[in-house]
């Protein structure tokens, strides 16, 4: 027992000398519980929708209220042409487009069937499938209410529903899950690879004793950061081509947009992830610490970025966190280019966000490294 107590005392001493690792171990279960409790929600709601109401009548407003009252559709945008509806869906601003024709109210007054068009973004099969069912249900229930009102006035019974909702799934009409998952995996694999490798880069220099050699050289902090990042960018770009080849030929996911644009924006996406890894590397004292510091970033990224669960289903606080994750913006980019064939003009907000993250994180890494040398 004396030897056992001595060994246990030694391990406790090691833990006291490594408080950062212990804190990470204690924080991770709490973080996992909170995030999984709120984020692991398969109930799709508040799906962004754009409305093109050409009728502007009381009947059309009643139909819009029926869509809104479901709690499933969040009609956040108004369009003034069918092209604008398609453009907003392609840009990822809306997942559903509701188009009410100009004769909708007249057809209802005349007792004829009134058609309503619903365009659904099929790039996310989970959301698209739920939107398809919800739109059909809205048409049936609202049409039944109108038919009952009409029959009550004339004292008759029976008859078909006067509201005919015509749904159309865009980009992925068969709702293939691989169309959504494979582009998303590109974002996650690149993030995990680059962040994990770079988080240990400066720590490795310190552990191997080569950091002193860098100190005595005239190299500037930003030059070291660029030198650390560039090889990982080149290696990661090789990973990009491998993933794209496997996704295209093995999983049969076609790339509908510009391959050159996809590669260029992927290179931009790598920069903030490499920056995060370098920042972690300047804080960590050992490679083990660096790995533990990466884990609390990986979990929110996996759950809050929109990779699995739609961001619209998250509480507002978690939605705010998702907006500061670079992968959230790149998921929109990669899925839009691969599935929808979207061009650069519709992706400028995401490109701007990634550029801002890149400059900010790499600058912090350079400043942190200079402080470490001091």
Protein backbone atom coordinates (compact mmCIF):
# COMPACT_ATOMS: atom_id res chain seq x y z
CA UNK A 1 0.00 0.00 0.00
CA UNK A 2 2.93 2.33 0.66
CA UNK A 3 4.16 1.92 -2.91
CA UNK A 4 0.63 2.37 -4.25
CA UNK A 5 0.14 5.57 -2.25
CA UNK A 6 3.47 6.89 -3.52
CA UNK A 7 2.49 6.28 -7.14
CA UNK A 8 -0.92 7.88 -6.64
CA UNK A 9 0.75 10.89 -4.98
CA UNK A 10 3.08 11.19 -7.95
CA UNK A 11 0.17 11.20 -10.40
CA UNK A 12 -1.66 13.83 -8.35
CA UNK A 13 1.49 15.95 -8.45
CA UNK A 14 1.60 15.65 -12.25
CA UNK A 15 -2.04 16.76 -12.41
CA UNK A 16 -1.36 19.80 -10.22
CA UNK A 17 1.51 20.78 -12.52
CA UNK A 18 -0.78 20.52 -15.57
CA UNK A 19 -3.92 22.47 -14.55
CA UNK A 20 -4.90 23.36 -18.14
CA UNK A 21 -5.31 19.74 -19.13
CA UNK A 22 -7.31 18.99 -15.97
CA UNK A 23 -9.61 21.94 -16.66
CA UNK A 24 -10.20 20.74 -20.20
CA UNK A 25 -11.07 17.27 -18.92
CA UNK A 26 -13.57 18.72 -16.44
CA UNK A 27 -15.09 21.22 -18.88
CA UNK A 28 -15.64 18.80 -21.78
CA UNK A 29 -18.46 16.73 -20.16
CA UNK A 30 -20.35 19.92 -19.24
CA UNK A 31 -19.86 21.34 -22.73
CA UNK A 32 -20.99 18.10 -24.34
CA UNK A 33 -24.12 17.92 -22.18
CA UNK A 34 -25.15 21.52 -22.84
CA UNK A 35 -24.51 21.44 -26.58
CA UNK A 36 -26.07 18.04 -27.17
CA UNK A 37 -29.06 18.95 -25.01
CA UNK A 38 -29.85 22.05 -27.08
CA UNK A 39 -28.34 21.34 -30.49
CA UNK A 40 -29.31 17.69 -30.99
CA UNK A 41 -32.80 18.67 -32.11
CA UNK A 42 -34.31 16.95 -35.15
CA UNK A 43 -37.48 19.08 -35.08
CA UNK A 44 -37.16 21.38 -38.08
CA UNK A 45 -38.70 24.82 -37.55
CA UNK A 46 -38.29 28.48 -38.50
CA UNK A 47 -37.17 27.59 -42.02
CA UNK A 48 -36.32 30.78 -43.89
CA UNK A 49 -38.84 31.41 -46.67
CA UNK A 50 -39.24 34.08 -49.34
CA UNK A 51 -42.72 35.18 -50.48
CA UNK A 52 -43.72 36.36 -53.95
CA UNK A 53 -47.36 37.41 -53.59
CA UNK A 54 -48.65 38.57 -56.98
CA UNK A 55 -52.27 38.66 -55.80
CA UNK A 56 -52.01 40.94 -52.74
CA UNK A 57 -55.57 40.10 -51.71
CA UNK A 58 -57.23 39.14 -48.46
CA UNK A 59 -57.29 35.53 -49.66
CA UNK A 60 -53.55 35.49 -50.33
CA UNK A 61 -52.82 37.09 -46.95
CA UNK A 62 -54.92 34.41 -45.29
CA UNK A 63 -52.85 31.74 -47.02
CA UNK A 64 -49.61 33.42 -45.94
CA UNK A 65 -50.88 33.45 -42.36
CA UNK A 66 -51.60 29.74 -42.66
CA UNK A 67 -47.98 29.11 -43.67
CA UNK A 68 -46.68 31.35 -40.90
CA UNK A 69 -48.90 29.90 -38.17
CA UNK A 70 -47.43 26.44 -38.60
CA UNK A 71 -44.23 27.61 -36.86
CA UNK A 72 -42.31 25.77 -39.56
CA UNK A 73 -41.93 28.60 -42.07
CA UNK A 74 -40.34 31.92 -41.17
CA UNK A 75 -41.30 34.28 -44.00
CA UNK A 76 -38.39 36.69 -43.69
CA UNK A 77 -38.15 37.97 -47.26
CA UNK A 78 -40.42 39.40 -49.93
CA UNK A 79 -39.61 39.03 -53.63
CA UNK A 80 -41.01 40.83 -56.66
CA UNK A 81 -40.23 38.28 -59.37
CA UNK A 82 -39.77 34.55 -59.80
CA UNK A 83 -36.13 35.12 -60.73
CA UNK A 84 -35.58 36.88 -57.41
CA UNK A 85 -37.09 33.91 -55.57
CA UNK A 86 -34.75 31.51 -57.37
CA UNK A 87 -31.79 33.79 -56.73
CA UNK A 88 -32.44 33.94 -52.99
CA UNK A 89 -32.77 30.16 -52.78
CA UNK A 90 -29.57 29.69 -54.77
CA UNK A 91 -27.73 32.13 -52.52
CA UNK A 92 -28.87 30.23 -49.43
CA UNK A 93 -30.82 33.16 -47.98
CA UNK A 94 -34.04 31.16 -48.09
CA UNK A 95 -34.76 27.44 -48.18
CA UNK A 96 -38.35 27.78 -49.39
CA UNK A 97 -39.99 30.05 -51.95
CA UNK A 98 -43.77 30.61 -51.89
CA UNK A 99 -45.23 31.95 -55.14
CA UNK A 100 -48.89 33.06 -55.16
CA UNK A 101 -50.24 33.75 -58.68
CA UNK A 102 -52.14 36.99 -59.50
CA UNK A 103 -55.47 35.20 -59.99
CA UNK A 104 -55.39 33.28 -56.70
CA UNK A 105 -58.18 35.26 -55.00
CA UNK A 106 -60.34 35.42 -58.13
CA UNK A 107 -60.19 31.65 -58.58
CA UNK A 108 -61.30 31.09 -54.99
CA UNK A 109 -64.24 33.52 -55.37
CA UNK A 110 -65.28 31.80 -58.58
CA UNK A 111 -65.16 28.39 -56.91
CA UNK A 112 -62.25 27.22 -59.02
CA UNK A 113 -59.07 25.52 -57.85
CA UNK A 114 -56.33 28.05 -56.99
CA UNK A 115 -52.75 26.93 -57.49
CA UNK A 116 -49.83 27.95 -55.28
CA UNK A 117 -46.21 27.25 -56.13
CA UNK A 118 -43.71 26.21 -53.45
CA UNK A 119 -40.03 25.91 -54.39
CA UNK A 120 -37.86 23.95 -51.94
CA UNK A 121 -34.07 23.89 -51.67
CA UNK A 122 -33.16 20.20 -51.81
CA UNK A 123 -29.50 20.67 -50.83
CA UNK A 124 -30.43 19.73 -47.24
CA UNK A 125 -32.67 16.64 -47.52
CA UNK A 126 -33.77 16.84 -43.87
CA UNK A 127 -35.11 20.35 -44.21
CA UNK A 128 -36.42 19.74 -47.72
CA UNK A 129 -38.36 16.63 -46.73
CA UNK A 130 -39.97 18.41 -43.78
CA UNK A 131 -40.75 21.48 -45.91
CA UNK A 132 -42.34 19.30 -48.56
CA UNK A 133 -44.64 17.66 -46.04
CA UNK A 134 -45.44 20.91 -44.24
CA UNK A 135 -46.32 22.78 -47.45
CA UNK A 136 -48.60 19.99 -48.60
CA UNK A 137 -50.28 19.89 -45.20
CA UNK A 138 -50.82 23.67 -45.20
CA UNK A 139 -52.50 23.46 -48.60
CA UNK A 140 -54.77 20.62 -47.50
CA UNK A 141 -55.80 22.11 -44.15
CA UNK A 142 -56.28 25.67 -45.45
CA UNK A 143 -58.15 24.38 -48.48
CA UNK A 144 -60.42 22.31 -46.26
CA UNK A 145 -61.26 25.38 -44.16
CA UNK A 146 -62.10 27.40 -47.26
CA UNK A 147 -64.22 24.60 -48.71
CA UNK A 148 -66.20 24.29 -45.48
CA UNK A 149 -66.85 28.05 -45.50
CA UNK A 150 -68.02 27.89 -49.13
CA UNK A 151 -70.28 24.91 -48.48
CA UNK A 152 -71.78 26.51 -45.38
CA UNK A 153 -72.87 29.51 -47.47
CA UNK A 154 -74.66 27.42 -50.06
CA UNK A 155 -75.80 24.68 -47.72
CA UNK A 156 -74.07 21.87 -49.64
CA UNK A 157 -71.60 19.15 -48.64
CA UNK A 158 -68.49 17.56 -50.18
CA UNK A 159 -66.18 18.84 -52.86
CA UNK A 160 -62.44 18.97 -53.49
CA UNK A 161 -60.05 21.34 -51.77
CA UNK A 162 -59.87 24.69 -53.59
CA UNK A 163 -56.17 25.22 -52.77
CA UNK A 164 -53.73 23.26 -54.92
CA UNK A 165 -50.16 23.50 -53.59
CA UNK A 166 -47.66 22.54 -56.30
CA UNK A 167 -44.28 21.72 -54.72
CA UNK A 168 -40.98 21.47 -56.57
CA UNK A 169 -37.67 20.39 -55.04
CA UNK A 170 -34.68 22.15 -56.58
CA UNK A 171 -31.09 20.90 -57.06
CA UNK A 172 -31.65 17.53 -55.37
CA UNK A 173 -35.11 16.30 -56.38
CA UNK A 174 -34.47 12.75 -55.12
CA UNK A 175 -33.35 14.12 -51.71
CA UNK A 176 -30.11 12.14 -51.76
CA UNK A 177 -28.38 12.53 -48.38
CA UNK A 178 -24.92 12.16 -49.94
CA UNK A 179 -25.44 15.46 -51.80
CA UNK A 180 -25.55 17.20 -48.44
CA UNK A 181 -23.12 15.11 -46.40
CA UNK A 182 -20.16 14.81 -48.78
CA UNK A 183 -19.63 18.59 -49.26
CA UNK A 184 -20.10 19.03 -45.51
CA UNK A 185 -17.45 16.42 -44.81
CA UNK A 186 -15.00 18.40 -46.95
CA UNK A 187 -15.36 21.32 -44.55
CA UNK A 188 -15.05 19.23 -41.38
CA UNK A 189 -12.16 17.05 -42.53
CA UNK A 190 -10.12 20.06 -43.61
CA UNK A 191 -10.86 21.88 -40.36
CA UNK A 192 -9.86 18.94 -38.17
CA UNK A 193 -6.71 18.22 -40.18
CA UNK A 194 -5.37 21.76 -40.36
CA UNK A 195 -6.28 22.79 -36.82
CA UNK A 196 -4.86 19.65 -35.23
CA UNK A 197 -1.56 19.81 -37.11
CA UNK A 198 -0.89 23.50 -36.64
CA UNK A 199 -1.94 23.52 -32.97
CA UNK A 200 1.14 21.43 -32.20
CA UNK A 201 3.58 23.26 -34.48
CA UNK A 202 5.08 25.86 -32.10
CA UNK A 203 4.64 23.53 -29.11
CA UNK A 204 6.74 20.97 -30.93
CA UNK A 205 9.47 23.55 -31.47
CA UNK A 206 9.44 24.31 -27.75
CA UNK A 207 9.51 20.65 -26.69
CA UNK A 208 12.34 19.81 -29.09
CA UNK A 209 14.35 22.83 -28.02
CA UNK A 210 14.48 24.37 -31.50
CA UNK A 211 12.50 27.43 -30.42
CA UNK A 212 15.75 28.99 -29.17
CA UNK A 213 17.17 28.75 -32.68
CA UNK A 214 14.21 30.75 -33.98
CA UNK A 215 14.67 33.35 -31.25
CA UNK A 216 18.26 34.19 -32.26
CA UNK A 217 17.38 34.50 -35.95
CA UNK A 218 16.24 37.86 -37.42
CA UNK A 219 12.92 36.29 -38.49
CA UNK A 220 9.83 38.39 -37.78
CA UNK A 221 6.76 36.97 -36.09
CA UNK A 222 4.57 37.33 -39.18
CA UNK A 223 7.25 35.60 -41.28
CA UNK A 224 7.22 32.64 -38.91
CA UNK A 225 3.42 32.48 -39.06
CA UNK A 226 3.45 32.50 -42.87
CA UNK A 227 6.21 29.88 -42.92
CA UNK A 228 4.23 27.68 -40.54
CA UNK A 229 0.99 28.03 -42.49
CA UNK A 230 2.19 27.62 -46.10
CA UNK A 231 3.21 23.91 -45.97
CA UNK A 232 -0.07 22.98 -44.33
CA UNK A 233 -2.00 24.90 -46.97
CA UNK A 234 -0.23 22.96 -49.72
CA UNK A 235 -0.80 19.60 -48.02
CA UNK A 236 -4.43 20.44 -47.31
CA UNK A 237 -5.05 21.36 -50.94
CA UNK A 238 -3.90 17.87 -51.90
CA UNK A 239 -6.49 16.56 -49.43
CA UNK A 240 -9.11 18.74 -51.14
CA UNK A 241 -8.51 17.13 -54.54
CA UNK A 242 -8.56 13.64 -53.02
CA UNK A 243 -11.86 14.31 -51.23
CA UNK A 244 -13.42 15.81 -54.35
CA UNK A 245 -12.36 12.82 -56.46
CA UNK A 246 -13.75 10.33 -53.96
CA UNK A 247 -16.97 12.31 -53.53
CA UNK A 248 -17.52 12.65 -57.29
CA UNK A 249 -16.62 9.16 -58.49
CA UNK A 250 -17.37 7.01 -55.44
CA UNK A 251 -20.41 8.75 -53.92
CA UNK A 252 -21.66 10.08 -57.28
CA UNK A 253 -21.98 13.68 -56.10
CA UNK A 254 -21.60 15.95 -59.17
CA UNK A 255 -19.87 19.33 -58.93
CA UNK A 256 -22.28 21.69 -60.69
CA UNK A 257 -20.33 24.90 -60.10
CA UNK A 258 -16.85 26.14 -60.96
CA UNK A 259 -14.10 23.82 -59.72
CA UNK A 260 -11.61 26.69 -59.84
CA UNK A 261 -13.85 28.84 -57.63
CA UNK A 262 -14.30 25.96 -55.19
CA UNK A 263 -10.54 25.39 -54.90
CA UNK A 264 -9.84 29.12 -54.46
CA UNK A 265 -12.44 29.56 -51.71
CA UNK A 266 -11.29 26.35 -50.04
CA UNK A 267 -7.80 27.87 -49.83
CA UNK A 268 -9.35 30.94 -48.20
CA UNK A 269 -11.21 28.70 -45.73
CA UNK A 270 -7.98 27.00 -44.67
CA UNK A 271 -6.45 30.27 -43.42
CA UNK A 272 -8.70 30.91 -40.37
CA UNK A 273 -8.45 27.26 -39.33
CA UNK A 274 -4.68 27.40 -39.53
CA UNK A 275 -4.79 30.67 -37.60
CA UNK A 276 -6.81 29.05 -34.80
CA UNK A 277 -4.33 26.20 -34.64
CA UNK A 278 -1.40 28.60 -34.33
CA UNK A 279 -3.14 30.63 -31.62
CA UNK A 280 -3.72 27.45 -29.63
CA UNK A 281 -0.08 26.50 -30.19
CA UNK A 282 1.07 29.75 -28.57
CA UNK A 283 -1.03 29.08 -25.44
CA UNK A 284 -0.32 25.37 -24.96
CA UNK A 285 2.81 24.19 -23.17
CA UNK A 286 2.72 20.60 -24.43
CA UNK A 287 1.30 18.82 -27.47
CA UNK A 288 -1.16 17.04 -25.19
CA UNK A 289 -2.48 20.37 -23.97
CA UNK A 290 -2.81 21.54 -27.56
CA UNK A 291 -4.92 18.50 -28.42
CA UNK A 292 -7.21 19.05 -25.43
CA UNK A 293 -7.61 22.73 -26.35
CA UNK A 294 -8.71 21.77 -29.87
CA UNK A 295 -11.47 19.47 -28.60
CA UNK A 296 -13.77 22.20 -27.17
CA UNK A 297 -13.63 23.88 -30.59
CA UNK A 298 -14.39 20.69 -32.53
CA UNK A 299 -17.61 19.87 -30.69
CA UNK A 300 -19.39 23.23 -31.22
CA UNK A 301 -18.23 23.22 -34.82
CA UNK A 302 -19.72 19.78 -35.39
CA UNK A 303 -23.06 20.59 -33.75
CA UNK A 304 -23.62 24.31 -34.38
CA UNK A 305 -22.31 24.91 -37.89
CA UNK A 306 -25.28 23.43 -39.73
CA UNK A 307 -23.43 20.27 -40.71
CA UNK A 308 -26.03 17.98 -39.10
CA UNK A 309 -28.71 20.12 -37.47
CA UNK A 310 -30.19 23.20 -39.23
CA UNK A 311 -29.11 26.44 -37.58
CA UNK A 312 -32.73 27.64 -37.54
CA UNK A 313 -33.60 24.96 -34.96
CA UNK A 314 -31.01 26.21 -32.45
CA UNK A 315 -31.72 28.62 -29.57
CA UNK A 316 -30.73 32.22 -30.35
CA UNK A 317 -27.64 32.04 -28.11
CA UNK A 318 -26.28 29.01 -29.98
CA UNK A 319 -27.16 30.63 -33.30
CA UNK A 320 -24.98 33.58 -32.26
CA UNK A 321 -22.10 31.18 -31.56
CA UNK A 322 -22.55 29.57 -34.96
CA UNK A 323 -21.98 32.97 -36.59
CA UNK A 324 -18.42 33.14 -35.26
CA UNK A 325 -17.44 29.73 -36.64
CA UNK A 326 -15.65 29.88 -40.02
CA UNK A 327 -16.99 26.46 -40.98
CA UNK A 328 -20.57 27.84 -40.87
CA UNK A 329 -19.80 30.11 -43.80
CA UNK A 330 -17.76 27.57 -45.73
CA UNK A 331 -20.55 25.01 -45.50
CA UNK A 332 -22.78 27.46 -47.36
CA UNK A 333 -20.04 28.01 -49.93
CA UNK A 334 -19.16 24.39 -50.62
CA UNK A 335 -22.76 23.17 -50.70
CA UNK A 336 -23.84 26.06 -52.91
CA UNK A 337 -21.05 25.50 -55.45
CA UNK A 338 -21.24 21.70 -55.51
CA UNK A 339 -25.02 21.22 -55.37
CA UNK A 340 -26.45 24.42 -56.84
CA UNK A 341 -23.68 25.68 -59.14
CA UNK A 342 -23.71 29.06 -57.39
CA UNK A 343 -21.30 31.75 -58.58
CA UNK A 344 -19.08 34.13 -56.65
CA UNK A 345 -21.56 37.03 -56.84
CA UNK A 346 -24.01 35.20 -54.54
CA UNK A 347 -21.32 34.10 -52.09
CA UNK A 348 -19.76 37.49 -51.32
CA UNK A 349 -21.13 37.67 -47.73
CA UNK A 350 -19.54 34.32 -46.87
CA UNK A 351 -16.29 35.23 -48.63
CA UNK A 352 -16.14 38.50 -46.71
CA UNK A 353 -16.67 36.70 -43.38
CA UNK A 354 -13.90 34.17 -44.10
CA UNK A 355 -11.53 36.96 -45.15
CA UNK A 356 -12.20 38.81 -41.90
CA UNK A 357 -11.62 35.66 -39.83
CA UNK A 358 -8.38 34.94 -41.70
CA UNK A 359 -6.88 38.40 -41.13
CA UNK A 360 -7.97 38.54 -37.50
CA UNK A 361 -6.79 35.08 -36.44
CA UNK A 362 -3.46 35.19 -38.26
CA UNK A 363 -2.76 38.63 -36.76
CA UNK A 364 -3.54 37.30 -33.27
CA UNK A 365 -1.23 34.34 -33.88
CA UNK A 366 1.60 36.68 -34.93
CA UNK A 367 1.11 38.90 -31.88
CA UNK A 368 0.89 35.94 -29.53
CA UNK A 369 4.08 34.45 -30.90
CA UNK A 370 5.95 37.71 -30.40
CA UNK A 371 4.76 37.83 -26.77
CA UNK A 372 5.88 34.24 -26.30
CA UNK A 373 9.36 35.13 -27.50
CA UNK A 374 9.47 38.05 -25.09
